[in-house]
């Protein structure tokens, strides 16, 4: 097990915020619909006592589903982020009893014995790692006779990828075009230090705020813009009473949004095109495995690629 890299702090922040999976804005609770059915069909092939290793597990959504689908499985989740699902999410709603999580663990160095695992899973995770070392470790821990692999991977033409591009455009508007948080911070700082000399800072902020309101009223804004507005509004509500409180709230809000930006950039870079999917399938076929790939659709919307592999 390795320590969490600073480059994973934006993912640590997501999982510690208490979301079950990365589709939390679109799916409440655990995965549903076609995504759920895809995974249930994988777990139904297993028997009590067999081992599942979930790569990039986050807060363990797949393992919770595996536990209820086929009781008695040996369940492990690894993630490079500093995860602690039982502490963050456990309780009456989610029962993590019997699930073992490995935080700060890279896909290129898995803490499991050779041939020890019956099913390796990955939901929007494997594609974030360098393919060759992650695949080598996956094959090393997989049972050489009956082992199976199942993955859902981001695809470049999915609705998730389209929304990611739109959200990034919204963040560009906030940070690069309007610099709305920077100007709000300048206004709060001016009011704290020189209350009677803050008109210049107020004018600059009001100019950006006006453009932000125009974007919101257009009806074409990315959801992240509305979220940013709510965070700004909450912080500025404290401005007259306590500029220092406003500054603290602005710092937290901007950190949250910049973490979101890094996660979106990671996702954009990770999404597979058809060639990358076939390259992964080809590497598995070269080991003698039978591989099936497809397109995962949820309620008529493309959500990504599927890949399942097993020994002939």
Protein backbone atom coordinates (compact mmCIF):
# COMPACT_ATOMS: atom_id res chain seq x y z
CA UNK A 1 0.00 0.00 0.00
CA UNK A 2 1.30 3.43 -0.88
CA UNK A 3 0.56 6.80 0.63
CA UNK A 4 -1.89 9.16 -1.02
CA UNK A 5 -0.25 11.41 -3.58
CA UNK A 6 -0.97 15.15 -3.53
CA UNK A 7 -2.33 14.65 -7.03
CA UNK A 8 -5.18 12.59 -5.54
CA UNK A 9 -6.32 15.17 -2.98
CA UNK A 10 -9.16 16.35 -5.21
CA UNK A 11 -10.50 12.78 -5.29
CA UNK A 12 -10.01 12.38 -1.56
CA UNK A 13 -12.10 15.53 -1.10
CA UNK A 14 -14.91 14.03 -3.18
CA UNK A 15 -15.10 10.75 -1.26
CA UNK A 16 -14.76 12.43 2.12
CA UNK A 17 -17.68 14.70 1.17
CA UNK A 18 -19.95 11.66 1.44
CA UNK A 19 -20.99 10.80 -2.13
CA UNK A 20 -21.44 7.11 -2.86
CA UNK A 21 -20.21 7.22 -6.47
CA UNK A 22 -19.11 9.72 -9.11
CA UNK A 23 -22.57 9.79 -10.76
CA UNK A 24 -24.14 11.15 -7.57
CA UNK A 25 -25.66 14.21 -9.26
CA UNK A 26 -27.64 12.03 -11.70
CA UNK A 27 -28.30 8.88 -9.64
CA UNK A 28 -29.53 9.03 -6.07
CA UNK A 29 -28.44 6.13 -3.87
CA UNK A 30 -26.59 3.22 -5.44
CA UNK A 31 -26.40 2.59 -9.18
CA UNK A 32 -29.73 1.83 -10.82
CA UNK A 33 -31.15 0.94 -14.22
CA UNK A 34 -28.93 -0.67 -16.83
CA UNK A 35 -25.78 0.07 -14.85
CA UNK A 36 -27.12 -1.87 -11.89
CA UNK A 37 -28.27 -4.76 -14.08
CA UNK A 38 -24.86 -4.99 -15.76
CA UNK A 39 -23.15 -5.38 -12.40
CA UNK A 40 -25.74 -7.69 -10.86
CA UNK A 41 -25.28 -10.10 -13.77
CA UNK A 42 -21.53 -10.17 -13.05
CA UNK A 43 -21.96 -10.81 -9.31
CA UNK A 44 -24.61 -13.48 -9.87
CA UNK A 45 -21.96 -15.65 -11.56
CA UNK A 46 -20.00 -15.87 -8.30
CA UNK A 47 -20.30 -18.16 -5.29
CA UNK A 48 -19.82 -17.50 -1.56
CA UNK A 49 -16.14 -17.52 -0.63
CA UNK A 50 -14.93 -16.16 -3.96
CA UNK A 51 -12.92 -12.91 -3.97
CA UNK A 52 -13.80 -9.65 -5.70
CA UNK A 53 -11.34 -6.77 -6.03
CA UNK A 54 -12.83 -3.44 -7.07
CA UNK A 55 -10.35 -1.00 -8.62
CA UNK A 56 -10.87 2.70 -7.89
CA UNK A 57 -13.67 1.82 -5.52
CA UNK A 58 -14.43 5.30 -4.15
CA UNK A 59 -16.98 4.77 -1.40
CA UNK A 60 -17.62 1.19 -2.41
CA UNK A 61 -20.84 1.38 -4.43
CA UNK A 62 -20.06 -1.76 -6.46
CA UNK A 63 -19.01 -3.75 -3.41
CA UNK A 64 -22.26 -2.88 -1.63
CA UNK A 65 -24.12 -4.17 -4.67
CA UNK A 66 -21.98 -7.32 -4.79
CA UNK A 67 -22.65 -7.97 -1.09
CA UNK A 68 -26.42 -7.88 -1.51
CA UNK A 69 -26.40 -9.80 -4.81
CA UNK A 70 -24.28 -12.76 -3.66
CA UNK A 71 -23.81 -12.91 0.12
CA UNK A 72 -20.62 -14.47 1.45
CA UNK A 73 -18.17 -13.02 -1.08
CA UNK A 74 -14.71 -11.81 -0.01
CA UNK A 75 -14.81 -8.15 -0.95
CA UNK A 76 -11.88 -5.76 -1.33
CA UNK A 77 -11.84 -2.20 -2.67
CA UNK A 78 -8.70 -0.24 -3.56
CA UNK A 79 -8.34 3.44 -4.27
CA UNK A 80 -5.42 5.84 -4.58
CA UNK A 81 -7.42 8.42 -2.62
CA UNK A 82 -7.63 8.53 1.17
CA UNK A 83 -10.96 6.72 1.44
CA UNK A 84 -12.75 5.53 4.57
CA UNK A 85 -16.27 4.54 3.44
CA UNK A 86 -17.38 2.96 6.73
CA UNK A 87 -16.57 6.16 8.62
CA UNK A 88 -17.92 8.58 6.01
CA UNK A 89 -20.95 6.64 4.72
CA UNK A 90 -21.58 3.80 7.19
CA UNK A 91 -24.58 3.51 9.46
CA UNK A 92 -28.19 2.56 8.86
CA UNK A 93 -28.12 3.47 5.16
CA UNK A 94 -25.02 1.55 4.02
CA UNK A 95 -23.68 -1.61 5.66
CA UNK A 96 -19.96 -2.05 4.98
CA UNK A 97 -19.52 -4.95 7.38
CA UNK A 98 -17.26 -7.56 5.76
CA UNK A 99 -15.87 -5.21 3.08
CA UNK A 100 -12.15 -4.42 3.29
CA UNK A 101 -10.90 -1.13 1.86
CA UNK A 102 -7.29 -0.29 0.93
CA UNK A 103 -6.75 3.48 0.87
CA UNK A 104 -3.80 5.10 -0.89
CA UNK A 105 -3.35 2.00 -3.05
CA UNK A 106 -2.31 2.24 -6.69
CA UNK A 107 -3.57 -0.11 -9.42
CA UNK A 108 0.06 -0.75 -10.35
CA UNK A 109 0.78 -2.29 -6.93
CA UNK A 110 -2.09 -4.40 -5.62
CA UNK A 111 -1.83 -6.01 -2.15
CA UNK A 112 -3.14 -9.43 -3.21
CA UNK A 113 -1.48 -12.74 -3.97
CA UNK A 114 -0.96 -14.19 -7.44
CA UNK A 115 -4.12 -15.84 -8.76
CA UNK A 116 -6.06 -14.96 -5.61
CA UNK A 117 -9.00 -13.13 -7.18
CA UNK A 118 -12.07 -14.46 -8.98
CA UNK A 119 -13.43 -11.16 -10.29
CA UNK A 120 -11.75 -7.79 -10.84
CA UNK A 121 -14.17 -4.92 -11.32
CA UNK A 122 -13.84 -1.26 -12.24
CA UNK A 123 -16.54 1.37 -12.66
CA UNK A 124 -15.11 4.55 -14.24
CA UNK A 125 -11.68 3.95 -12.70
CA UNK A 126 -9.31 1.66 -14.64
CA UNK A 127 -8.97 4.21 -17.45
CA UNK A 128 -7.45 6.79 -15.07
CA UNK A 129 -4.35 4.62 -14.52
CA UNK A 130 -1.54 3.90 -17.00
CA UNK A 131 -2.90 0.92 -18.91
CA UNK A 132 0.09 -1.45 -18.99
CA UNK A 133 1.07 -1.57 -15.28
CA UNK A 134 -2.57 -1.60 -14.15
CA UNK A 135 -3.39 -4.42 -16.56
CA UNK A 136 -0.31 -6.42 -15.55
CA UNK A 137 -1.34 -6.27 -11.88
CA UNK A 138 -4.94 -7.14 -12.72
CA UNK A 139 -3.82 -10.24 -14.59
CA UNK A 140 -1.34 -11.18 -11.86
CA UNK A 141 -3.98 -11.35 -9.11
CA UNK A 142 -6.62 -12.98 -11.33
CA UNK A 143 -7.33 -16.70 -11.02
CA UNK A 144 -5.59 -18.12 -14.14
CA UNK A 145 -8.40 -20.60 -14.84
CA UNK A 146 -11.73 -19.11 -13.78
CA UNK A 147 -10.90 -15.45 -13.19
CA UNK A 148 -13.07 -12.75 -14.74
CA UNK A 149 -12.73 -9.03 -15.44
CA UNK A 150 -15.63 -6.59 -15.75
CA UNK A 151 -15.30 -2.87 -16.44
CA UNK A 152 -17.37 0.18 -17.27
CA UNK A 153 -15.14 2.82 -18.85
CA UNK A 154 -15.64 6.45 -19.75
CA UNK A 155 -16.11 6.97 -23.50
CA UNK A 156 -15.40 10.13 -25.44
CA UNK A 157 -18.90 10.27 -26.95
CA UNK A 158 -20.88 9.62 -23.76
CA UNK A 159 -23.29 12.01 -22.10
CA UNK A 160 -20.85 12.15 -19.17
CA UNK A 161 -18.08 13.41 -21.48
CA UNK A 162 -20.38 15.99 -23.02
CA UNK A 163 -21.42 17.26 -19.61
CA UNK A 164 -17.80 17.30 -18.48
CA UNK A 165 -16.85 19.60 -21.37
CA UNK A 166 -19.80 21.87 -20.55
CA UNK A 167 -18.90 22.02 -16.85
CA UNK A 168 -15.30 22.90 -17.69
CA UNK A 169 -16.53 25.74 -19.90
CA UNK A 170 -18.56 27.00 -16.96
CA UNK A 171 -15.53 26.92 -14.70
CA UNK A 172 -13.49 28.77 -17.33
CA UNK A 173 -16.15 31.48 -17.25
CA UNK A 174 -15.98 31.72 -13.46
CA UNK A 175 -12.22 31.66 -13.02
CA UNK A 176 -10.66 32.91 -16.26
CA UNK A 177 -13.25 35.21 -17.84
CA UNK A 178 -14.96 36.74 -14.80
CA UNK A 179 -12.45 36.04 -12.00
CA UNK A 180 -15.54 36.31 -9.82
CA UNK A 181 -14.01 34.72 -6.72
CA UNK A 182 -10.87 36.83 -6.98
CA UNK A 183 -12.93 40.03 -7.24
CA UNK A 184 -15.21 38.96 -4.36
CA UNK A 185 -12.11 38.34 -2.27
CA UNK A 186 -10.69 41.77 -3.18
CA UNK A 187 -13.96 43.40 -2.14
CA UNK A 188 -14.07 41.57 1.20
CA UNK A 189 -10.41 42.42 1.86
CA UNK A 190 -11.00 46.10 1.05
CA UNK A 191 -14.03 46.28 3.33
CA UNK A 192 -12.10 44.66 6.14
CA UNK A 193 -9.09 46.99 5.82
CA UNK A 194 -10.53 50.25 4.42
CA UNK A 195 -14.34 50.24 4.58
CA UNK A 196 -14.57 53.75 3.17
CA UNK A 197 -12.24 53.07 0.25
CA UNK A 198 -13.76 49.95 -1.23
CA UNK A 199 -15.65 51.52 -4.14
CA UNK A 200 -13.15 50.46 -6.80
CA UNK A 201 -13.22 46.85 -5.62
CA UNK A 202 -17.02 46.98 -5.43
CA UNK A 203 -17.28 48.30 -9.00
CA UNK A 204 -15.07 45.53 -10.37
CA UNK A 205 -17.00 42.86 -8.50
CA UNK A 206 -20.38 44.25 -9.57
CA UNK A 207 -19.27 44.20 -13.21
CA UNK A 208 -18.39 40.50 -13.04
CA UNK A 209 -21.49 39.72 -10.96
CA UNK A 210 -23.68 41.35 -13.61
CA UNK A 211 -22.16 39.15 -16.32
CA UNK A 212 -22.64 36.11 -14.11
CA UNK A 213 -26.33 36.94 -13.67
CA UNK A 214 -26.68 37.31 -17.44
CA UNK A 215 -25.22 33.83 -17.87
CA UNK A 216 -27.62 32.40 -15.31
CA UNK A 217 -30.63 34.07 -16.91
CA UNK A 218 -29.69 32.74 -20.36
CA UNK A 219 -30.85 29.26 -19.41
CA UNK A 220 -27.87 27.68 -21.19
CA UNK A 221 -25.44 27.75 -18.28
CA UNK A 222 -23.64 24.68 -16.99
CA UNK A 223 -24.92 23.37 -13.63
CA UNK A 224 -21.58 24.24 -12.01
CA UNK A 225 -22.27 27.94 -12.62
CA UNK A 226 -25.46 27.78 -10.57
CA UNK A 227 -23.61 25.95 -7.83
CA UNK A 228 -20.90 28.61 -7.83
CA UNK A 229 -23.52 31.33 -7.59
CA UNK A 230 -25.05 29.67 -4.53
CA UNK A 231 -21.63 29.44 -2.86
CA UNK A 232 -20.90 33.09 -3.66
CA UNK A 233 -24.29 34.22 -2.40
CA UNK A 234 -23.80 32.35 0.88
CA UNK A 235 -20.37 33.88 1.43
CA UNK A 236 -21.37 37.42 0.52
CA UNK A 237 -24.40 37.27 2.81
CA UNK A 238 -21.87 37.59 5.65
CA UNK A 239 -20.01 40.50 4.10
CA UNK A 240 -21.57 43.42 6.01
CA UNK A 241 -21.34 41.61 9.34
CA UNK A 242 -17.95 39.94 8.97
CA UNK A 243 -15.66 40.35 5.93
CA UNK A 244 -13.28 37.84 7.55
CA UNK A 245 -16.02 35.19 7.59
CA UNK A 246 -16.76 35.96 3.95
CA UNK A 247 -13.08 35.50 3.05
CA UNK A 248 -13.00 32.12 4.79
CA UNK A 249 -16.15 30.99 2.99
CA UNK A 250 -14.83 32.21 -0.35
CA UNK A 251 -11.61 30.26 0.16
CA UNK A 252 -13.53 27.07 0.92
CA UNK A 253 -15.86 27.57 -2.02
CA UNK A 254 -13.02 28.20 -4.46
CA UNK A 255 -11.06 25.19 -3.19
CA UNK A 256 -14.15 23.02 -3.70
CA UNK A 257 -14.67 24.27 -7.26
CA UNK A 258 -11.00 23.93 -8.18
CA UNK A 259 -11.05 20.34 -6.90
CA UNK A 260 -14.08 19.79 -9.09
CA UNK A 261 -12.20 21.22 -12.05
CA UNK A 262 -9.29 18.84 -11.52
CA UNK A 263 -11.64 15.86 -11.32
CA UNK A 264 -13.33 16.95 -14.56
CA UNK A 265 -9.98 17.41 -16.27
CA UNK A 266 -8.93 13.94 -15.12
CA UNK A 267 -12.13 12.47 -16.52
CA UNK A 268 -11.74 14.27 -19.84
CA UNK A 269 -8.21 12.92 -20.26
CA UNK A 270 -9.19 9.41 -19.16
CA UNK A 271 -12.13 8.84 -21.52
CA UNK A 272 -11.42 6.10 -24.04
CA UNK A 273 -12.05 6.36 -27.73
CA UNK A 274 -12.81 3.27 -29.83
CA UNK A 275 -9.12 2.68 -30.52
CA UNK A 276 -8.14 2.70 -26.85
CA UNK A 277 -10.97 0.31 -26.00
CA UNK A 278 -9.86 -2.09 -28.70
CA UNK A 279 -6.24 -1.79 -27.59
CA UNK A 280 -7.22 -2.90 -24.09
CA UNK A 281 -9.35 -5.72 -25.49
CA UNK A 282 -6.47 -6.81 -27.71
CA UNK A 283 -4.05 -7.03 -24.80
CA UNK A 284 -6.48 -9.26 -22.91
CA UNK A 285 -7.11 -11.43 -25.97
CA UNK A 286 -3.35 -11.86 -26.36
CA UNK A 287 -3.32 -13.62 -22.96
CA UNK A 288 -5.91 -16.11 -24.17
CA UNK A 289 -8.96 -14.46 -22.65
CA UNK A 290 -12.29 -14.14 -24.43
CA UNK A 291 -13.31 -10.47 -24.48
CA UNK A 292 -16.60 -8.74 -25.17
CA UNK A 293 -16.94 -4.97 -25.49
CA UNK A 294 -20.03 -2.86 -25.89
CA UNK A 295 -21.75 0.41 -25.25
CA UNK A 296 -23.51 0.98 -21.95
CA UNK A 297 -26.75 2.91 -22.30
CA UNK A 298 -28.95 4.13 -19.47
CA UNK A 299 -32.48 5.22 -20.41
CA UNK A 300 -31.36 5.67 -24.02
CA UNK A 301 -28.29 7.71 -23.11
CA UNK A 302 -24.73 6.56 -23.78
CA UNK A 303 -22.90 6.26 -20.45
CA UNK A 304 -19.64 4.61 -21.54
CA UNK A 305 -18.03 1.39 -22.70
CA UNK A 306 -18.40 -2.06 -21.17
CA UNK A 307 -15.69 -4.70 -21.21
CA UNK A 308 -15.96 -8.23 -19.85
CA UNK A 309 -13.26 -10.86 -20.13
CA UNK A 310 -12.82 -14.44 -19.00
CA UNK A 311 -10.63 -17.40 -19.78
CA UNK A 312 -11.70 -19.66 -22.66
